């Protein structure tokens, strides 16, 4: 993963607004448990390409891993709103229900 992160950093220096490079860098950071860096890269990917559904999915994973359930719910709700025909829709709805149930007092 270190080599991948180095290569993606180099790619971003060449093309700083590459949503794909930021997405993959955020994913590599996530897998390396560099969660702050992961969130930063994923949010840049989202900024540069707001239609990249996988960014929202990775942010959901990140926020669940960090136990930031309110943030995860926001990303799930946005995903469901923006991608009503996505094949992940049912699993996202199930995940949302589980998280929401856990948040109840």
N, C-alpha and C. Protein backbone atom coordinates (compact mmCIF):
# COMPACT_ATOMS: atom_id res chain seq x y z
N UNK A 1 0.81 -1.20 0.00
CA UNK A 1 0.00 0.00 0.00
C UNK A 1 0.85 1.27 0.00
N UNK A 2 2.01 1.19 0.62
CA UNK A 2 2.90 2.36 0.62
C UNK A 2 3.27 2.77 -0.80
N UNK A 3 3.59 1.77 -1.64
CA UNK A 3 3.94 2.07 -3.03
C UNK A 3 2.76 2.68 -3.77
N UNK A 4 1.57 2.15 -3.50
CA UNK A 4 0.37 2.69 -4.14
C UNK A 4 0.14 4.14 -3.72
N UNK A 5 0.30 4.41 -2.44
CA UNK A 5 0.11 5.78 -1.96
C UNK A 5 1.14 6.72 -2.58
N UNK A 6 2.38 6.26 -2.70
CA UNK A 6 3.42 7.08 -3.33
C UNK A 6 3.07 7.36 -4.80
N UNK A 7 2.62 6.34 -5.51
CA UNK A 7 2.26 6.50 -6.92
C UNK A 7 1.06 7.44 -7.07
N UNK A 8 0.10 7.31 -6.18
CA UNK A 8 -1.08 8.17 -6.26
C UNK A 8 -0.73 9.61 -5.89
N UNK A 9 0.15 9.80 -4.92
CA UNK A 9 0.62 11.15 -4.61
C UNK A 9 1.29 11.77 -5.83
N UNK A 10 2.09 11.00 -6.52
CA UNK A 10 2.77 11.49 -7.73
C UNK A 10 1.74 11.83 -8.82
N UNK A 11 0.74 10.98 -8.97
CA UNK A 11 -0.31 11.24 -9.96
C UNK A 11 -1.06 12.53 -9.65
N UNK A 12 -1.32 12.76 -8.36
CA UNK A 12 -2.04 13.96 -7.95
C UNK A 12 -1.19 15.21 -8.19
N UNK A 13 0.13 15.08 -8.06
CA UNK A 13 1.01 16.22 -8.36
C UNK A 13 0.94 16.57 -9.85
N UNK A 14 0.76 15.56 -10.67
CA UNK A 14 0.66 15.79 -12.12
C UNK A 14 -0.72 16.33 -12.49
N UNK A 15 -1.76 15.74 -11.87
CA UNK A 15 -3.14 16.15 -12.17
C UNK A 15 -3.89 16.32 -10.84
N UNK A 16 -3.74 17.48 -10.21
CA UNK A 16 -4.27 17.69 -8.86
C UNK A 16 -5.78 17.54 -8.72
N UNK A 17 -6.53 17.72 -9.79
CA UNK A 17 -7.99 17.64 -9.71
C UNK A 17 -8.53 16.29 -10.16
N UNK A 18 -7.71 15.27 -10.14
CA UNK A 18 -8.15 13.94 -10.54
C UNK A 18 -8.96 13.29 -9.42
N UNK A 19 -10.26 13.22 -9.62
CA UNK A 19 -11.14 12.61 -8.62
C UNK A 19 -10.78 11.14 -8.41
N UNK A 20 -10.45 10.46 -9.48
CA UNK A 20 -10.12 9.04 -9.39
C UNK A 20 -8.87 8.81 -8.54
N UNK A 21 -7.84 9.63 -8.77
CA UNK A 21 -6.61 9.49 -7.98
C UNK A 21 -6.87 9.79 -6.51
N UNK A 22 -7.65 10.82 -6.22
CA UNK A 22 -7.98 11.13 -4.82
C UNK A 22 -8.81 10.01 -4.19
N UNK A 23 -9.73 9.43 -4.98
CA UNK A 23 -10.54 8.33 -4.47
C UNK A 23 -9.66 7.13 -4.09
N UNK A 24 -8.78 6.75 -5.00
CA UNK A 24 -7.92 5.59 -4.72
C UNK A 24 -6.93 5.88 -3.59
N UNK A 25 -6.45 7.11 -3.51
CA UNK A 25 -5.56 7.47 -2.41
C UNK A 25 -6.33 7.40 -1.09
N UNK A 26 -7.56 7.92 -1.07
CA UNK A 26 -8.39 7.83 0.13
C UNK A 26 -8.66 6.39 0.53
N UNK A 27 -8.86 5.54 -0.46
CA UNK A 27 -9.09 4.12 -0.18
C UNK A 27 -7.83 3.47 0.38
N UNK A 28 -6.67 3.80 -0.18
CA UNK A 28 -5.41 3.25 0.33
C UNK A 28 -5.15 3.74 1.75
N UNK A 29 -5.42 5.01 2.00
CA UNK A 29 -5.28 5.53 3.37
C UNK A 29 -6.22 4.80 4.32
N UNK A 30 -7.44 4.56 3.89
CA UNK A 30 -8.41 3.83 4.71
C UNK A 30 -7.88 2.45 5.08
N UNK A 31 -7.39 1.74 4.07
CA UNK A 31 -6.87 0.39 4.31
C UNK A 31 -5.63 0.40 5.20
N UNK A 32 -4.91 1.52 5.20
CA UNK A 32 -3.72 1.66 6.05
C UNK A 32 -4.07 2.27 7.41
N UNK A 33 -5.33 2.52 7.62
CA UNK A 33 -5.86 3.09 8.87
C UNK A 33 -5.36 4.50 9.14
N UNK A 34 -5.11 5.26 8.07
CA UNK A 34 -4.83 6.69 8.16
C UNK A 34 -6.15 7.40 7.89
N UNK A 35 -7.01 7.41 8.89
CA UNK A 35 -8.39 7.81 8.67
C UNK A 35 -8.57 9.29 8.37
N UNK A 36 -7.80 10.16 9.00
CA UNK A 36 -7.93 11.59 8.70
C UNK A 36 -7.53 11.87 7.25
N UNK A 37 -6.44 11.28 6.82
CA UNK A 37 -5.97 11.45 5.45
C UNK A 37 -6.97 10.86 4.46
N UNK A 38 -7.55 9.72 4.84
CA UNK A 38 -8.55 9.07 3.99
C UNK A 38 -9.74 10.01 3.77
N UNK A 39 -10.24 10.57 4.85
CA UNK A 39 -11.40 11.47 4.73
C UNK A 39 -11.07 12.67 3.86
N UNK A 40 -9.90 13.25 4.05
CA UNK A 40 -9.49 14.40 3.25
C UNK A 40 -9.46 14.06 1.76
N UNK A 41 -8.85 12.94 1.43
CA UNK A 41 -8.75 12.54 0.02
C UNK A 41 -10.11 12.20 -0.57
N UNK A 42 -10.94 11.51 0.19
CA UNK A 42 -12.27 11.15 -0.31
C UNK A 42 -13.13 12.39 -0.52
N UNK A 43 -13.02 13.35 0.37
CA UNK A 43 -13.81 14.58 0.20
C UNK A 43 -13.32 15.39 -1.01
N UNK A 44 -12.02 15.34 -1.29
CA UNK A 44 -11.51 16.00 -2.49
C UNK A 44 -12.04 15.30 -3.73
N UNK A 45 -12.06 13.97 -3.71
CA UNK A 45 -12.61 13.22 -4.84
C UNK A 45 -14.07 13.61 -5.06
N UNK A 46 -14.80 13.73 -3.98
CA UNK A 46 -16.22 14.11 -4.07
C UNK A 46 -16.37 15.53 -4.61
N UNK A 47 -15.49 16.41 -4.20
CA UNK A 47 -15.53 17.79 -4.68
C UNK A 47 -15.27 17.84 -6.19
N UNK A 48 -14.29 17.08 -6.65
CA UNK A 48 -13.90 17.12 -8.06
C UNK A 48 -14.84 16.34 -8.96
N UNK A 49 -15.53 15.34 -8.41
CA UNK A 49 -16.53 14.59 -9.19
C UNK A 49 -17.68 14.20 -8.27
N UNK A 50 -18.67 15.08 -8.13
CA UNK A 50 -19.78 14.84 -7.21
C UNK A 50 -20.65 13.63 -7.60
N UNK A 51 -20.45 13.11 -8.81
CA UNK A 51 -21.27 11.97 -9.27
C UNK A 51 -20.60 10.62 -9.06
N UNK A 52 -19.51 10.60 -8.33
CA UNK A 52 -18.78 9.35 -8.08
C UNK A 52 -19.40 8.65 -6.87
N UNK A 53 -20.28 7.71 -7.14
CA UNK A 53 -21.03 7.03 -6.07
C UNK A 53 -20.11 6.30 -5.09
N UNK A 54 -19.02 5.75 -5.58
CA UNK A 54 -18.13 4.98 -4.72
C UNK A 54 -17.51 5.82 -3.61
N UNK A 55 -17.41 7.12 -3.83
CA UNK A 55 -16.87 7.99 -2.79
C UNK A 55 -17.78 7.96 -1.57
N UNK A 56 -19.08 8.07 -1.80
CA UNK A 56 -20.03 8.02 -0.68
C UNK A 56 -19.94 6.67 0.04
N UNK A 57 -19.82 5.60 -0.70
CA UNK A 57 -19.72 4.27 -0.09
C UNK A 57 -18.48 4.18 0.79
N UNK A 58 -17.35 4.69 0.29
CA UNK A 58 -16.12 4.66 1.11
C UNK A 58 -16.24 5.55 2.33
N UNK A 59 -16.90 6.70 2.19
CA UNK A 59 -17.09 7.57 3.35
C UNK A 59 -17.98 6.88 4.39
N UNK A 60 -18.98 6.15 3.94
CA UNK A 60 -19.82 5.37 4.88
C UNK A 60 -18.94 4.38 5.63
N UNK A 61 -18.12 3.64 4.90
CA UNK A 61 -17.23 2.66 5.54
C UNK A 61 -16.30 3.34 6.54
N UNK A 62 -15.74 4.47 6.14
CA UNK A 62 -14.82 5.20 7.02
C UNK A 62 -15.53 5.65 8.29
N UNK A 63 -16.70 6.25 8.15
CA UNK A 63 -17.40 6.77 9.31
C UNK A 63 -17.88 5.65 10.24
N UNK A 64 -18.26 4.53 9.67
CA UNK A 64 -18.64 3.39 10.53
C UNK A 64 -17.42 2.89 11.29
N UNK A 65 -16.30 2.78 10.61
CA UNK A 65 -15.07 2.33 11.25
C UNK A 65 -14.69 3.25 12.41
N UNK A 66 -14.94 4.55 12.25
CA UNK A 66 -14.62 5.53 13.27
C UNK A 66 -15.76 5.71 14.28
N UNK A 67 -16.83 4.97 14.08
CA UNK A 67 -18.02 5.06 14.95
C UNK A 67 -18.65 6.44 14.88
N UNK A 68 -18.55 7.07 13.74
CA UNK A 68 -19.18 8.37 13.49
C UNK A 68 -20.49 8.10 12.76
N UNK A 69 -21.43 7.57 13.49
CA UNK A 69 -22.66 7.06 12.89
C UNK A 69 -23.54 8.15 12.29
N UNK A 70 -23.59 9.31 12.90
CA UNK A 70 -24.40 10.40 12.33
C UNK A 70 -23.86 10.80 10.96
N UNK A 71 -22.53 10.86 10.82
CA UNK A 71 -21.92 11.17 9.53
C UNK A 71 -22.19 10.05 8.51
N UNK A 72 -22.14 8.82 8.98
CA UNK A 72 -22.43 7.69 8.09
C UNK A 72 -23.87 7.78 7.57
N UNK A 73 -24.80 8.10 8.46
CA UNK A 73 -26.20 8.23 8.05
C UNK A 73 -26.38 9.33 7.01
N UNK A 74 -25.68 10.43 7.17
CA UNK A 74 -25.78 11.52 6.19
C UNK A 74 -25.31 11.05 4.82
N UNK A 75 -24.22 10.29 4.80
CA UNK A 75 -23.70 9.79 3.53
C UNK A 75 -24.65 8.75 2.92
N UNK A 76 -25.21 7.89 3.75
CA UNK A 76 -26.16 6.90 3.25
C UNK A 76 -27.38 7.59 2.67
N UNK A 77 -27.92 8.56 3.39
CA UNK A 77 -29.10 9.28 2.91
C UNK A 77 -28.82 9.97 1.59
N UNK A 78 -27.65 10.59 1.47
CA UNK A 78 -27.27 11.25 0.22
C UNK A 78 -27.14 10.22 -0.90
N UNK A 79 -26.53 9.08 -0.60
CA UNK A 79 -26.38 8.02 -1.60
C UNK A 79 -27.75 7.56 -2.09
N UNK A 80 -28.66 7.30 -1.16
CA UNK A 80 -30.00 6.82 -1.53
C UNK A 80 -30.76 7.86 -2.35
N UNK A 81 -30.57 9.11 -2.03
CA UNK A 81 -31.24 10.20 -2.75
C UNK A 81 -30.64 10.37 -4.15
N UNK A 82 -29.32 10.29 -4.25
CA UNK A 82 -28.65 10.57 -5.51
C UNK A 82 -28.61 9.37 -6.47
N UNK A 83 -28.69 8.17 -5.93
CA UNK A 83 -28.57 6.98 -6.77
C UNK A 83 -29.73 6.01 -6.49
N UNK A 84 -30.95 6.41 -6.86
CA UNK A 84 -32.13 5.60 -6.53
C UNK A 84 -32.16 4.23 -7.21
N UNK A 85 -31.40 4.06 -8.26
CA UNK A 85 -31.41 2.78 -8.98
C UNK A 85 -30.11 1.98 -8.80
N UNK A 86 -29.28 2.38 -7.87
CA UNK A 86 -28.00 1.68 -7.64
C UNK A 86 -28.26 0.27 -7.13
N UNK A 87 -27.43 -0.66 -7.55
CA UNK A 87 -27.61 -2.04 -7.11
C UNK A 87 -27.31 -2.21 -5.63
N UNK A 88 -26.57 -1.27 -5.03
CA UNK A 88 -26.28 -1.32 -3.59
C UNK A 88 -27.42 -0.74 -2.75
N UNK A 89 -28.47 -0.28 -3.38
CA UNK A 89 -29.54 0.42 -2.67
C UNK A 89 -30.11 -0.39 -1.50
N UNK A 90 -30.44 -1.65 -1.73
CA UNK A 90 -31.03 -2.46 -0.66
C UNK A 90 -30.06 -2.66 0.49
N UNK A 91 -28.81 -2.91 0.19
CA UNK A 91 -27.85 -3.10 1.28
C UNK A 91 -27.62 -1.79 2.03
N UNK A 92 -27.67 -0.66 1.33
CA UNK A 92 -27.54 0.63 2.00
C UNK A 92 -28.76 0.90 2.89
N UNK A 93 -29.93 0.54 2.41
CA UNK A 93 -31.13 0.73 3.24
C UNK A 93 -31.06 -0.14 4.49
N UNK A 94 -30.61 -1.37 4.33
CA UNK A 94 -30.47 -2.26 5.49
C UNK A 94 -29.43 -1.70 6.48
N UNK A 95 -28.32 -1.25 5.96
CA UNK A 95 -27.27 -0.68 6.80
C UNK A 95 -27.79 0.56 7.53
N UNK A 96 -28.55 1.38 6.81
CA UNK A 96 -29.11 2.58 7.43
C UNK A 96 -30.03 2.21 8.59
N UNK A 97 -30.86 1.21 8.38
CA UNK A 97 -31.80 0.78 9.43
C UNK A 97 -31.03 0.29 10.66
N UNK A 98 -29.97 -0.47 10.44
CA UNK A 98 -29.18 -0.98 11.56
C UNK A 98 -28.51 0.16 12.33
N UNK A 99 -27.94 1.09 11.61
CA UNK A 99 -27.27 2.22 12.28
C UNK A 99 -28.29 3.06 13.03
N UNK A 100 -29.39 3.37 12.37
CA UNK A 100 -30.42 4.21 12.99
C UNK A 100 -30.97 3.55 14.26
N UNK A 101 -31.15 2.26 14.21
CA UNK A 101 -31.64 1.53 15.39
C UNK A 101 -30.63 1.64 16.53
N UNK A 102 -29.37 1.56 16.20
CA UNK A 102 -28.33 1.67 17.22
C UNK A 102 -28.22 3.07 17.82
N UNK A 103 -28.70 4.07 17.07
CA UNK A 103 -28.62 5.44 17.56
C UNK A 103 -29.81 5.80 18.46
N UNK A 104 -30.84 4.97 18.45
CA UNK A 104 -32.02 5.28 19.27
C UNK A 104 -31.65 5.26 20.75
N UNK A 105 -32.22 6.20 21.52
CA UNK A 105 -31.91 6.23 22.97
C UNK A 105 -32.42 5.01 23.71
